[in-house]
Amino acid sequence: MSGCAWRVYYHDGRVTNWIEAPYPRTPISLAIFLHEVGHHAIGFRRFKVRCEEEYHVWMWALSQMRKAGVSVDQRVQQRFERSMRYAVAQTLRRGITQLPAELMKFAPPH
């Protein structure tokens, strides 16, 4: 299960936000759906580091689940952690020299 969020800019100045995500039927599909919506709610390129955007989008999605009374179960928590470990590792491979403090826990051990 995965998703994608993007923005389309038209020559006439219009902007359209899109997401691809699973239909939210279970806590995990809801988490992924809300994560993609979160990219638009928070805004693209708001953070300097891409993995930092991913972190804040996940935090927004999990917060929305709790507000709606949907439990952030073990499967959702594991998906969040795997996603963040991947995003942080990718950022490190691309040569970042200093991670934001809240992302250090997702960095691979040295």
N, C-alpha and C. Protein backbone atom coordinates (compact mmCIF):
# COMPACT_ATOMS: atom_id res chain seq x y z
N MET A 1 0.84 -1.17 0.00
CA MET A 1 0.00 0.00 0.00
C MET A 1 0.89 1.24 0.00
N SER A 2 0.61 2.12 -0.93
CA SER A 2 1.40 3.35 -0.99
C SER A 2 0.55 4.46 -1.59
N GLY A 3 1.12 5.64 -1.64
CA GLY A 3 0.41 6.78 -2.20
C GLY A 3 1.38 7.80 -2.76
N CYS A 4 0.81 8.85 -3.31
CA CYS A 4 1.61 9.91 -3.91
C CYS A 4 0.80 11.20 -3.89
N ALA A 5 1.46 12.31 -3.66
CA ALA A 5 0.81 13.62 -3.70
C ALA A 5 1.62 14.51 -4.63
N TRP A 6 0.92 15.30 -5.45
CA TRP A 6 1.61 16.21 -6.35
C TRP A 6 0.71 17.38 -6.69
N ARG A 7 1.32 18.37 -7.29
CA ARG A 7 0.64 19.61 -7.67
C ARG A 7 0.90 19.87 -9.14
N VAL A 8 -0.14 20.28 -9.86
CA VAL A 8 -0.02 20.59 -11.29
C VAL A 8 -0.23 22.09 -11.46
N TYR A 9 0.70 22.72 -12.16
CA TYR A 9 0.62 24.15 -12.47
C TYR A 9 0.25 24.30 -13.94
N TYR A 10 -0.78 25.10 -14.22
CA TYR A 10 -1.23 25.33 -15.60
C TYR A 10 -0.73 26.68 -16.09
N HIS A 11 -0.64 26.82 -17.41
CA HIS A 11 -0.16 28.06 -18.01
C HIS A 11 -1.04 29.25 -17.70
N ASP A 12 -2.33 29.00 -17.45
CA ASP A 12 -3.24 30.11 -17.15
C ASP A 12 -3.22 30.51 -15.67
N GLY A 13 -2.33 29.90 -14.89
CA GLY A 13 -2.18 30.26 -13.48
C GLY A 13 -2.92 29.34 -12.52
N ARG A 14 -3.76 28.46 -13.03
CA ARG A 14 -4.46 27.54 -12.14
C ARG A 14 -3.47 26.55 -11.54
N VAL A 15 -3.82 26.09 -10.35
CA VAL A 15 -3.03 25.06 -9.67
C VAL A 15 -4.02 24.00 -9.18
N THR A 16 -3.69 22.74 -9.42
CA THR A 16 -4.53 21.64 -8.96
C THR A 16 -3.70 20.69 -8.12
N ASN A 17 -4.22 20.35 -6.94
CA ASN A 17 -3.57 19.38 -6.06
C ASN A 17 -4.18 18.00 -6.29
N TRP A 18 -3.32 17.00 -6.36
CA TRP A 18 -3.75 15.63 -6.58
C TRP A 18 -3.15 14.70 -5.54
N ILE A 19 -3.85 13.60 -5.27
CA ILE A 19 -3.26 12.51 -4.49
C ILE A 19 -3.67 11.20 -5.13
N GLU A 20 -2.82 10.21 -4.98
CA GLU A 20 -3.15 8.82 -5.23
C GLU A 20 -2.95 8.13 -3.89
N ALA A 21 -3.97 7.44 -3.42
CA ALA A 21 -3.89 6.78 -2.12
C ALA A 21 -4.96 5.72 -2.05
N PRO A 22 -4.77 4.73 -1.18
CA PRO A 22 -5.81 3.72 -1.02
C PRO A 22 -7.07 4.33 -0.42
N TYR A 23 -8.20 3.75 -0.77
CA TYR A 23 -9.45 4.17 -0.14
C TYR A 23 -9.36 3.80 1.34
N PRO A 24 -9.64 4.73 2.24
CA PRO A 24 -9.43 4.47 3.67
C PRO A 24 -10.50 3.53 4.27
N ARG A 25 -10.13 2.26 4.40
CA ARG A 25 -11.04 1.25 4.97
C ARG A 25 -10.51 0.68 6.29
N THR A 26 -9.21 0.76 6.49
CA THR A 26 -8.57 0.23 7.70
C THR A 26 -7.68 1.32 8.28
N PRO A 27 -7.21 1.15 9.50
CA PRO A 27 -6.32 2.17 10.06
C PRO A 27 -5.08 2.43 9.18
N ILE A 28 -4.49 1.38 8.61
CA ILE A 28 -3.28 1.59 7.79
C ILE A 28 -3.62 2.32 6.50
N SER A 29 -4.72 1.97 5.84
CA SER A 29 -5.08 2.67 4.60
C SER A 29 -5.49 4.11 4.90
N LEU A 30 -6.11 4.34 6.06
CA LEU A 30 -6.45 5.71 6.46
C LEU A 30 -5.17 6.51 6.71
N ALA A 31 -4.20 5.90 7.37
CA ALA A 31 -2.94 6.60 7.66
C ALA A 31 -2.24 7.01 6.36
N ILE A 32 -2.21 6.12 5.39
CA ILE A 32 -1.57 6.42 4.11
C ILE A 32 -2.35 7.51 3.37
N PHE A 33 -3.66 7.39 3.35
CA PHE A 33 -4.51 8.41 2.72
C PHE A 33 -4.27 9.78 3.36
N LEU A 34 -4.31 9.83 4.69
CA LEU A 34 -4.11 11.11 5.39
C LEU A 34 -2.69 11.63 5.20
N HIS A 35 -1.72 10.73 5.11
CA HIS A 35 -0.34 11.16 4.85
C HIS A 35 -0.26 11.93 3.54
N GLU A 36 -0.90 11.40 2.50
CA GLU A 36 -0.86 12.09 1.20
C GLU A 36 -1.62 13.41 1.24
N VAL A 37 -2.76 13.44 1.91
CA VAL A 37 -3.50 14.69 2.08
C VAL A 37 -2.64 15.69 2.85
N GLY A 38 -1.90 15.18 3.83
CA GLY A 38 -1.05 16.02 4.65
C GLY A 38 0.00 16.79 3.86
N HIS A 39 0.47 16.21 2.76
CA HIS A 39 1.43 16.94 1.93
C HIS A 39 0.82 18.25 1.44
N HIS A 40 -0.46 18.23 1.11
CA HIS A 40 -1.14 19.45 0.66
C HIS A 40 -1.52 20.33 1.85
N ALA A 41 -1.94 19.72 2.95
CA ALA A 41 -2.32 20.50 4.13
C ALA A 41 -1.14 21.28 4.71
N ILE A 42 0.01 20.66 4.75
CA ILE A 42 1.21 21.30 5.30
C ILE A 42 1.91 22.15 4.25
N GLY A 43 1.94 21.66 3.03
CA GLY A 43 2.56 22.42 1.95
C GLY A 43 3.87 21.80 1.50
N PHE A 44 4.05 21.74 0.21
CA PHE A 44 5.29 21.23 -0.36
C PHE A 44 6.42 22.22 -0.15
N ARG A 45 7.62 21.69 0.02
CA ARG A 45 8.84 22.49 0.16
C ARG A 45 8.80 23.49 1.32
N ARG A 46 7.99 23.19 2.32
CA ARG A 46 7.94 24.05 3.49
C ARG A 46 9.17 23.85 4.37
N PHE A 47 9.72 22.66 4.28
CA PHE A 47 10.90 22.32 5.07
C PHE A 47 12.10 22.17 4.15
N LYS A 48 13.26 22.52 4.67
CA LYS A 48 14.47 22.49 3.86
C LYS A 48 14.85 21.06 3.46
N VAL A 49 14.66 20.13 4.38
CA VAL A 49 15.05 18.74 4.16
C VAL A 49 13.80 17.92 3.88
N ARG A 50 13.82 17.12 2.81
CA ARG A 50 12.65 16.34 2.39
C ARG A 50 12.19 15.37 3.48
N CYS A 51 13.11 14.72 4.17
CA CYS A 51 12.70 13.78 5.21
C CYS A 51 12.03 14.51 6.38
N GLU A 52 12.36 15.77 6.56
CA GLU A 52 11.69 16.56 7.60
C GLU A 52 10.24 16.81 7.20
N GLU A 53 9.99 17.07 5.91
CA GLU A 53 8.62 17.20 5.42
C GLU A 53 7.86 15.90 5.67
N GLU A 54 8.48 14.77 5.35
CA GLU A 54 7.84 13.48 5.57
C GLU A 54 7.46 13.29 7.03
N TYR A 55 8.36 13.66 7.92
CA TYR A 55 8.10 13.53 9.36
C TYR A 55 6.89 14.36 9.77
N HIS A 56 6.85 15.61 9.37
CA HIS A 56 5.74 16.48 9.77
C HIS A 56 4.43 16.06 9.13
N VAL A 57 4.49 15.55 7.92
CA VAL A 57 3.27 15.04 7.27
C VAL A 57 2.76 13.81 8.02
N TRP A 58 3.66 12.92 8.42
CA TRP A 58 3.23 11.77 9.22
C TRP A 58 2.63 12.22 10.54
N MET A 59 3.25 13.18 11.19
CA MET A 59 2.72 13.66 12.47
C MET A 59 1.32 14.24 12.28
N TRP A 60 1.12 14.97 11.18
CA TRP A 60 -0.20 15.53 10.88
C TRP A 60 -1.21 14.41 10.67
N ALA A 61 -0.84 13.40 9.89
CA ALA A 61 -1.76 12.29 9.58
C ALA A 61 -2.14 11.53 10.85
N LEU A 62 -1.17 11.23 11.69
CA LEU A 62 -1.46 10.49 12.92
C LEU A 62 -2.32 11.32 13.87
N SER A 63 -2.09 12.62 13.90
CA SER A 63 -2.91 13.52 14.71
C SER A 63 -4.36 13.54 14.22
N GLN A 64 -4.54 13.57 12.91
CA GLN A 64 -5.90 13.56 12.34
C GLN A 64 -6.62 12.25 12.67
N MET A 65 -5.89 11.14 12.65
CA MET A 65 -6.49 9.86 13.02
C MET A 65 -6.98 9.90 14.46
N ARG A 66 -6.13 10.39 15.36
CA ARG A 66 -6.51 10.45 16.78
C ARG A 66 -7.70 11.38 16.99
N LYS A 67 -7.71 12.51 16.29
CA LYS A 67 -8.85 13.45 16.39
C LYS A 67 -10.15 12.79 15.95
N ALA A 68 -10.07 11.90 14.97
CA ALA A 68 -11.26 11.21 14.45
C ALA A 68 -11.61 9.98 15.30
N GLY A 69 -10.82 9.71 16.33
CA GLY A 69 -11.10 8.57 17.19
C GLY A 69 -10.63 7.24 16.64
N VAL A 70 -9.71 7.28 15.67
CA VAL A 70 -9.17 6.06 15.09
C VAL A 70 -7.82 5.76 15.75
N SER A 71 -7.70 4.56 16.26
CA SER A 71 -6.49 4.16 16.97
C SER A 71 -5.30 4.08 16.01
N VAL A 72 -4.18 4.62 16.46
CA VAL A 72 -2.93 4.46 15.74
C VAL A 72 -2.35 3.14 16.26
N ASP A 73 -2.70 2.06 15.56
CA ASP A 73 -2.33 0.73 16.02
C ASP A 73 -0.87 0.41 15.70
N GLN A 74 -0.46 -0.78 16.09
CA GLN A 74 0.94 -1.18 15.91
C GLN A 74 1.34 -1.19 14.44
N ARG A 75 0.45 -1.62 13.56
CA ARG A 75 0.77 -1.68 12.13
C ARG A 75 1.01 -0.27 11.58
N VAL A 76 0.18 0.67 11.99
CA VAL A 76 0.35 2.07 11.54
C VAL A 76 1.66 2.63 12.09
N GLN A 77 1.93 2.38 13.36
CA GLN A 77 3.17 2.88 13.97
C GLN A 77 4.39 2.29 13.28
N GLN A 78 4.35 1.01 12.95
CA GLN A 78 5.47 0.38 12.25
C GLN A 78 5.65 0.96 10.85
N ARG A 79 4.54 1.24 10.17
CA ARG A 79 4.62 1.83 8.82
C ARG A 79 5.27 3.21 8.90
N PHE A 80 4.85 4.00 9.87
CA PHE A 80 5.44 5.32 10.08
C PHE A 80 6.95 5.20 10.30
N GLU A 81 7.36 4.31 11.19
CA GLU A 81 8.78 4.17 11.51
C GLU A 81 9.58 3.67 10.31
N ARG A 82 9.06 2.69 9.56
CA ARG A 82 9.77 2.20 8.36
C ARG A 82 9.89 3.30 7.32
N SER A 83 8.82 4.05 7.15
CA SER A 83 8.83 5.14 6.18
C SER A 83 9.87 6.19 6.55
N MET A 84 9.94 6.51 7.82
CA MET A 84 10.90 7.52 8.27
C MET A 84 12.34 7.01 8.19
N ARG A 85 12.57 5.75 8.52
CA ARG A 85 13.93 5.21 8.39
C ARG A 85 14.38 5.26 6.93
N TYR A 86 13.48 4.92 6.02
CA TYR A 86 13.79 4.97 4.59
C TYR A 86 14.10 6.41 4.16
N ALA A 87 13.23 7.36 4.55
CA ALA A 87 13.40 8.76 4.14
C ALA A 87 14.71 9.34 4.68
N VAL A 88 15.02 9.04 5.92
CA VAL A 88 16.25 9.55 6.52
C VAL A 88 17.47 8.91 5.85
N ALA A 89 17.43 7.61 5.62
CA ALA A 89 18.56 6.93 4.96
C ALA A 89 18.78 7.51 3.56
N GLN A 90 17.71 7.78 2.85
CA GLN A 90 17.82 8.37 1.51
C GLN A 90 18.47 9.75 1.58
N THR A 91 18.06 10.54 2.54
CA THR A 91 18.63 11.88 2.72
C THR A 91 20.12 11.79 3.06
N LEU A 92 20.48 10.84 3.91
CA LEU A 92 21.89 10.66 4.26
C LEU A 92 22.70 10.22 3.05
N ARG A 93 22.15 9.32 2.24
CA ARG A 93 22.86 8.88 1.02
C ARG A 93 23.09 10.05 0.08
N ARG A 94 22.20 11.01 0.09
CA ARG A 94 22.33 12.17 -0.80
C ARG A 94 23.28 13.22 -0.24
N GLY A 95 23.82 12.97 0.95
CA GLY A 95 24.90 13.82 1.42
C GLY A 95 24.56 14.88 2.44
N ILE A 96 23.42 14.83 3.10
CA ILE A 96 23.13 15.83 4.12
C ILE A 96 24.18 15.73 5.23
N THR A 97 24.58 16.85 5.75
CA THR A 97 25.63 16.86 6.78
C THR A 97 25.05 16.91 8.19
N GLN A 98 23.83 17.44 8.34
CA GLN A 98 23.24 17.54 9.68
C GLN A 98 21.74 17.32 9.59
N LEU A 99 21.26 16.31 10.30
CA LEU A 99 19.84 16.02 10.35
C LEU A 99 19.17 16.87 11.42
N PRO A 100 17.91 17.27 11.22
CA PRO A 100 17.17 17.91 12.31
C PRO A 100 17.08 16.95 13.50
N ALA A 101 17.08 17.48 14.70
CA ALA A 101 17.15 16.68 15.94
C ALA A 101 16.06 15.62 16.02
N GLU A 102 14.83 15.94 15.62
CA GLU A 102 13.74 14.98 15.77
C GLU A 102 13.88 13.77 14.83
N LEU A 103 14.78 13.86 13.86
CA LEU A 103 14.95 12.78 12.90
C LEU A 103 16.12 11.85 13.25
N MET A 104 16.92 12.23 14.23
CA MET A 104 18.09 11.43 14.59
C MET A 104 17.72 10.00 14.99
N LYS A 105 16.56 9.81 15.61
CA LYS A 105 16.17 8.48 16.06
C LYS A 105 15.88 7.53 14.90
N PHE A 106 15.73 8.07 13.69
CA PHE A 106 15.47 7.23 12.50
C PHE A 106 16.74 6.95 11.70
N ALA A 107 17.85 7.56 12.10
CA ALA A 107 19.11 7.37 11.38
C ALA A 107 19.67 5.98 11.66
N PRO A 108 20.30 5.37 10.66
CA PRO A 108 20.91 4.05 10.89
C PRO A 108 22.07 4.18 11.88
N PRO A 109 22.30 3.12 12.66
CA PRO A 109 23.43 3.18 13.61
C PRO A 109 24.76 3.24 12.87
N HIS A 110 25.72 3.91 13.44
CA HIS A 110 27.04 4.05 12.78
C HIS A 110 27.87 2.84 12.99
